[in-house]
Each structure stands twice: as structure tokens, then as C-alpha cells.
């Protein structure tokens, strides 16, 4: 997950070190939101799609996706960008 949203894990670690429990709780909620997608997609697919949505140039997945997986990937892409913008804003103030 740190490959997909490194700023979230860094901010969470810093909040833990400062014992800023309110910030930890908020960032853990964000982390859990992302982890939920790994229940819907294979973890490598989820991470790669998130990294791709960040603009990283990646090759194709090791195994071609079926139509159901493609539908879920499309939902992830639609969800991820606004979610990431919110996370990045929160991490700057964490």
C-alpha cells in the first residue's frame, strides 16, 4: 500500500510517533478505505491501478482481467483520484 499512497503511510507514522491520536484515527480510516479495495481486487492489481492513477507508467497486468474485474478496476479508478486528493490534503496537515 505504501507503493500506492506513500504520503498516507508517512503521515500515519509521524502521527503515531507524536502520539496524535485524533490524526492517527483519521488516517487509519483513510488506510482502511483503501484496504477495502483489496477485498474486491487482487492486491497487486489494486496497487498497480492506484499507482497508475497517480500517473506512473506501468505495463499490463500479469494476467488479463475478466469483465467483472475490469468493472471493479473502473470503479477503483473513479473512486481513487478524488479520494487521493482528499488524502493528500489531510496528510499535509497531519
N, C-alpha and C. Protein backbone atom coordinates (compact mmCIF):
# COMPACT_ATOMS: atom_id res chain seq x y z
N UNK A 1 0.83 -1.19 0.00
CA UNK A 1 0.00 0.00 0.00
C UNK A 1 0.87 1.25 0.00
N UNK A 2 2.03 1.16 0.62
CA UNK A 2 2.95 2.30 0.61
C UNK A 2 3.40 2.65 -0.80
N UNK A 3 3.36 1.70 -1.70
CA UNK A 3 3.70 1.98 -3.10
C UNK A 3 2.63 2.83 -3.77
N UNK A 4 1.40 2.68 -3.33
CA UNK A 4 0.28 3.39 -3.94
C UNK A 4 0.02 4.74 -3.29
N UNK A 5 0.13 4.81 -1.97
CA UNK A 5 -0.14 6.05 -1.24
C UNK A 5 0.92 6.27 -0.16
N UNK A 6 2.16 6.55 -0.58
CA UNK A 6 3.24 6.69 0.39
C UNK A 6 3.02 7.82 1.38
N UNK A 7 2.42 8.92 0.92
CA UNK A 7 2.21 10.05 1.83
C UNK A 7 1.29 9.68 2.99
N UNK A 8 0.35 8.78 2.74
CA UNK A 8 -0.55 8.35 3.81
C UNK A 8 0.20 7.58 4.88
N UNK A 9 1.06 6.65 4.46
CA UNK A 9 1.80 5.86 5.44
C UNK A 9 2.83 6.70 6.19
N UNK A 10 3.45 7.64 5.51
CA UNK A 10 4.41 8.53 6.17
C UNK A 10 3.69 9.41 7.19
N UNK A 11 2.58 10.00 6.80
CA UNK A 11 1.83 10.85 7.73
C UNK A 11 1.31 10.05 8.91
N UNK A 12 0.85 8.84 8.65
CA UNK A 12 0.37 7.99 9.74
C UNK A 12 1.50 7.66 10.71
N UNK A 13 2.65 7.33 10.18
CA UNK A 13 3.81 7.04 11.04
C UNK A 13 4.18 8.25 11.89
N UNK A 14 4.20 9.41 11.29
CA UNK A 14 4.54 10.63 12.04
C UNK A 14 3.52 10.91 13.14
N UNK A 15 2.25 10.71 12.82
CA UNK A 15 1.20 10.93 13.82
C UNK A 15 1.33 9.94 14.98
N UNK A 16 1.68 8.70 14.67
CA UNK A 16 1.90 7.70 15.72
C UNK A 16 3.07 8.12 16.60
N UNK A 17 4.16 8.56 15.97
CA UNK A 17 5.33 8.99 16.73
C UNK A 17 5.02 10.17 17.65
N UNK A 18 4.15 11.07 17.21
CA UNK A 18 3.77 12.24 18.01
C UNK A 18 2.65 11.93 19.00
N UNK A 19 2.13 10.72 18.91
CA UNK A 19 1.01 10.31 19.75
C UNK A 19 -0.20 11.22 19.53
N UNK A 20 -0.41 11.60 18.26
CA UNK A 20 -1.54 12.45 17.88
C UNK A 20 -2.72 11.53 17.53
N UNK A 21 -3.40 11.07 18.56
CA UNK A 21 -4.40 10.03 18.39
C UNK A 21 -5.53 10.41 17.44
N UNK A 22 -5.98 11.64 17.46
CA UNK A 22 -7.05 12.06 16.56
C UNK A 22 -6.61 11.95 15.10
N UNK A 23 -5.40 12.36 14.82
CA UNK A 23 -4.85 12.27 13.47
C UNK A 23 -4.65 10.81 13.08
N UNK A 24 -4.13 10.01 14.00
CA UNK A 24 -3.93 8.58 13.75
C UNK A 24 -5.26 7.94 13.35
N UNK A 25 -6.29 8.22 14.11
CA UNK A 25 -7.61 7.64 13.83
C UNK A 25 -8.11 8.05 12.45
N UNK A 26 -7.97 9.32 12.13
CA UNK A 26 -8.42 9.82 10.82
C UNK A 26 -7.64 9.16 9.68
N UNK A 27 -6.33 9.06 9.83
CA UNK A 27 -5.51 8.46 8.77
C UNK A 27 -5.71 6.95 8.69
N UNK A 28 -5.93 6.30 9.82
CA UNK A 28 -6.22 4.86 9.79
C UNK A 28 -7.54 4.60 9.06
N UNK A 29 -8.50 5.50 9.21
CA UNK A 29 -9.76 5.37 8.48
C UNK A 29 -9.49 5.45 6.98
N UNK A 30 -8.66 6.39 6.58
CA UNK A 30 -8.30 6.51 5.16
C UNK A 30 -7.59 5.24 4.67
N UNK A 31 -6.69 4.72 5.47
CA UNK A 31 -5.99 3.48 5.12
C UNK A 31 -6.98 2.33 4.97
N UNK A 32 -7.91 2.22 5.88
CA UNK A 32 -8.93 1.18 5.81
C UNK A 32 -9.78 1.31 4.55
N UNK A 33 -10.05 2.56 4.14
CA UNK A 33 -10.82 2.77 2.92
C UNK A 33 -10.10 2.19 1.71
N UNK A 34 -8.79 2.38 1.67
CA UNK A 34 -8.02 1.82 0.56
C UNK A 34 -7.96 0.30 0.67
N UNK A 35 -7.72 -0.21 1.85
CA UNK A 35 -7.61 -1.65 2.05
C UNK A 35 -8.89 -2.36 1.62
N UNK A 36 -10.02 -1.71 1.77
CA UNK A 36 -11.29 -2.31 1.35
C UNK A 36 -11.25 -2.74 -0.12
N UNK A 37 -10.54 -1.98 -0.93
CA UNK A 37 -10.44 -2.34 -2.35
C UNK A 37 -9.67 -3.63 -2.56
N UNK A 38 -8.79 -3.97 -1.64
CA UNK A 38 -8.04 -5.23 -1.79
C UNK A 38 -8.91 -6.44 -1.50
N UNK A 39 -10.10 -6.21 -0.96
CA UNK A 39 -11.08 -7.30 -0.83
C UNK A 39 -11.83 -7.52 -2.14
N UNK A 40 -11.81 -6.51 -2.99
CA UNK A 40 -12.54 -6.56 -4.25
C UNK A 40 -11.67 -6.95 -5.44
N UNK A 41 -10.37 -6.71 -5.30
CA UNK A 41 -9.41 -6.97 -6.38
C UNK A 41 -8.19 -7.67 -5.80
N UNK A 42 -7.47 -8.42 -6.61
CA UNK A 42 -6.20 -8.96 -6.12
C UNK A 42 -5.29 -7.79 -5.72
N UNK A 43 -4.56 -7.96 -4.64
CA UNK A 43 -3.73 -6.88 -4.10
C UNK A 43 -2.80 -6.28 -5.17
N UNK A 44 -2.07 -7.09 -5.94
CA UNK A 44 -1.19 -6.47 -6.94
C UNK A 44 -1.95 -5.61 -7.96
N UNK A 45 -3.13 -6.04 -8.34
CA UNK A 45 -3.94 -5.28 -9.29
C UNK A 45 -4.36 -3.96 -8.66
N UNK A 46 -4.80 -4.01 -7.44
CA UNK A 46 -5.24 -2.81 -6.72
C UNK A 46 -4.09 -1.80 -6.60
N UNK A 47 -2.94 -2.27 -6.20
CA UNK A 47 -1.78 -1.38 -6.02
C UNK A 47 -1.35 -0.80 -7.36
N UNK A 48 -1.27 -1.64 -8.37
CA UNK A 48 -0.85 -1.17 -9.70
C UNK A 48 -1.83 -0.15 -10.27
N UNK A 49 -3.12 -0.39 -10.09
CA UNK A 49 -4.11 0.55 -10.61
C UNK A 49 -4.03 1.89 -9.89
N UNK A 50 -3.82 1.85 -8.59
CA UNK A 50 -3.69 3.09 -7.83
C UNK A 50 -2.43 3.84 -8.27
N UNK A 51 -1.34 3.13 -8.43
CA UNK A 51 -0.10 3.76 -8.89
C UNK A 51 -0.27 4.33 -10.30
N UNK A 52 -0.97 3.61 -11.13
CA UNK A 52 -1.24 4.09 -12.48
C UNK A 52 -2.10 5.35 -12.46
N UNK A 53 -3.08 5.39 -11.57
CA UNK A 53 -3.93 6.57 -11.45
C UNK A 53 -3.13 7.79 -10.98
N UNK A 54 -2.01 7.55 -10.34
CA UNK A 54 -1.12 8.63 -9.91
C UNK A 54 -0.23 9.11 -11.05
N UNK A 55 -0.31 8.42 -12.18
CA UNK A 55 0.46 8.84 -13.35
C UNK A 55 1.70 8.01 -13.61
N UNK A 56 1.95 6.99 -12.81
CA UNK A 56 3.10 6.13 -13.07
C UNK A 56 2.83 5.29 -14.30
N UNK A 57 3.81 5.18 -15.16
CA UNK A 57 3.67 4.38 -16.38
C UNK A 57 3.98 2.93 -16.06
N UNK A 58 2.98 2.09 -16.14
CA UNK A 58 3.13 0.67 -15.83
C UNK A 58 2.69 -0.16 -17.02
N UNK A 59 3.25 -1.33 -17.13
CA UNK A 59 2.86 -2.24 -18.19
C UNK A 59 1.56 -2.94 -17.84
N UNK A 60 1.19 -3.91 -18.64
CA UNK A 60 -0.05 -4.63 -18.39
C UNK A 60 0.06 -5.54 -17.17
N UNK A 61 -1.09 -5.93 -16.66
CA UNK A 61 -1.12 -6.88 -15.55
C UNK A 61 -0.60 -8.23 -16.02
N UNK A 62 -0.11 -9.01 -15.08
CA UNK A 62 0.45 -10.33 -15.42
C UNK A 62 -0.61 -11.25 -16.01
N UNK A 63 -1.83 -11.13 -15.52
CA UNK A 63 -2.93 -11.95 -16.01
C UNK A 63 -4.03 -11.02 -16.50
N UNK A 64 -4.49 -11.19 -17.72
CA UNK A 64 -5.56 -10.32 -18.22
C UNK A 64 -6.80 -10.40 -17.34
N UNK A 65 -7.45 -9.28 -17.19
CA UNK A 65 -8.64 -9.21 -16.34
C UNK A 65 -9.87 -9.68 -17.10
N UNK A 66 -10.77 -10.30 -16.37
CA UNK A 66 -12.06 -10.65 -16.93
C UNK A 66 -12.98 -9.44 -16.88
N UNK A 67 -14.17 -9.58 -17.40
CA UNK A 67 -15.09 -8.44 -17.47
C UNK A 67 -15.49 -7.94 -16.09
N UNK A 68 -15.70 -8.84 -15.12
CA UNK A 68 -16.06 -8.42 -13.77
C UNK A 68 -14.92 -7.65 -13.12
N UNK A 69 -13.69 -8.15 -13.27
CA UNK A 69 -12.55 -7.45 -12.69
C UNK A 69 -12.37 -6.10 -13.36
N UNK A 70 -12.56 -6.02 -14.65
CA UNK A 70 -12.44 -4.74 -15.36
C UNK A 70 -13.47 -3.74 -14.83
N UNK A 71 -14.67 -4.21 -14.51
CA UNK A 71 -15.70 -3.33 -13.97
C UNK A 71 -15.25 -2.77 -12.61
N UNK A 72 -14.71 -3.64 -11.76
CA UNK A 72 -14.25 -3.21 -10.44
C UNK A 72 -13.05 -2.28 -10.56
N UNK A 73 -12.14 -2.56 -11.48
CA UNK A 73 -10.99 -1.69 -11.72
C UNK A 73 -11.47 -0.31 -12.14
N UNK A 74 -12.46 -0.27 -12.99
CA UNK A 74 -13.02 1.01 -13.43
C UNK A 74 -13.60 1.78 -12.24
N UNK A 75 -14.29 1.08 -11.34
CA UNK A 75 -14.82 1.72 -10.14
C UNK A 75 -13.69 2.24 -9.25
N UNK A 76 -12.62 1.46 -9.11
CA UNK A 76 -11.47 1.89 -8.31
C UNK A 76 -10.87 3.16 -8.90
N UNK A 77 -10.67 3.19 -10.19
CA UNK A 77 -10.09 4.37 -10.83
C UNK A 77 -10.94 5.61 -10.58
N UNK A 78 -12.26 5.45 -10.70
CA UNK A 78 -13.17 6.58 -10.49
C UNK A 78 -13.13 7.06 -9.04
N UNK A 79 -13.05 6.12 -8.11
CA UNK A 79 -13.02 6.45 -6.68
C UNK A 79 -11.68 7.04 -6.25
N UNK A 80 -10.58 6.52 -6.81
CA UNK A 80 -9.26 6.79 -6.27
C UNK A 80 -8.82 8.25 -6.40
N UNK A 81 -9.01 8.87 -7.54
CA UNK A 81 -8.47 10.23 -7.73
C UNK A 81 -9.03 11.25 -6.74
N UNK A 82 -10.35 11.35 -6.55
CA UNK A 82 -10.82 12.31 -5.55
C UNK A 82 -10.44 11.90 -4.13
N UNK A 83 -10.43 10.60 -3.87
CA UNK A 83 -10.01 10.11 -2.56
C UNK A 83 -8.55 10.50 -2.30
N UNK A 84 -7.69 10.31 -3.30
CA UNK A 84 -6.28 10.65 -3.17
C UNK A 84 -6.11 12.14 -2.90
N UNK A 85 -6.85 12.97 -3.60
CA UNK A 85 -6.75 14.42 -3.39
C UNK A 85 -7.10 14.77 -1.94
N UNK A 86 -8.15 14.15 -1.40
CA UNK A 86 -8.50 14.37 -0.01
C UNK A 86 -7.41 13.89 0.94
N UNK A 87 -6.86 12.71 0.66
CA UNK A 87 -5.80 12.14 1.50
C UNK A 87 -4.57 13.05 1.48
N UNK A 88 -4.20 13.51 0.31
CA UNK A 88 -3.01 14.36 0.22
C UNK A 88 -3.22 15.66 1.00
N UNK A 89 -4.41 16.21 0.95
CA UNK A 89 -4.72 17.42 1.71
C UNK A 89 -4.62 17.14 3.21
N UNK A 90 -5.19 16.00 3.65
CA UNK A 90 -5.13 15.64 5.06
C UNK A 90 -3.70 15.37 5.52
N UNK A 91 -2.91 14.75 4.67
CA UNK A 91 -1.54 14.41 5.06
C UNK A 91 -0.68 15.66 5.21
N UNK A 92 -0.96 16.69 4.44
CA UNK A 92 -0.20 17.93 4.57
C UNK A 92 -0.43 18.59 5.92
N UNK A 93 -1.61 18.36 6.47
CA UNK A 93 -1.98 18.99 7.74
C UNK A 93 -1.89 18.02 8.91
N UNK A 94 -1.35 16.84 8.66
CA UNK A 94 -1.29 15.82 9.72
C UNK A 94 -0.08 16.01 10.61
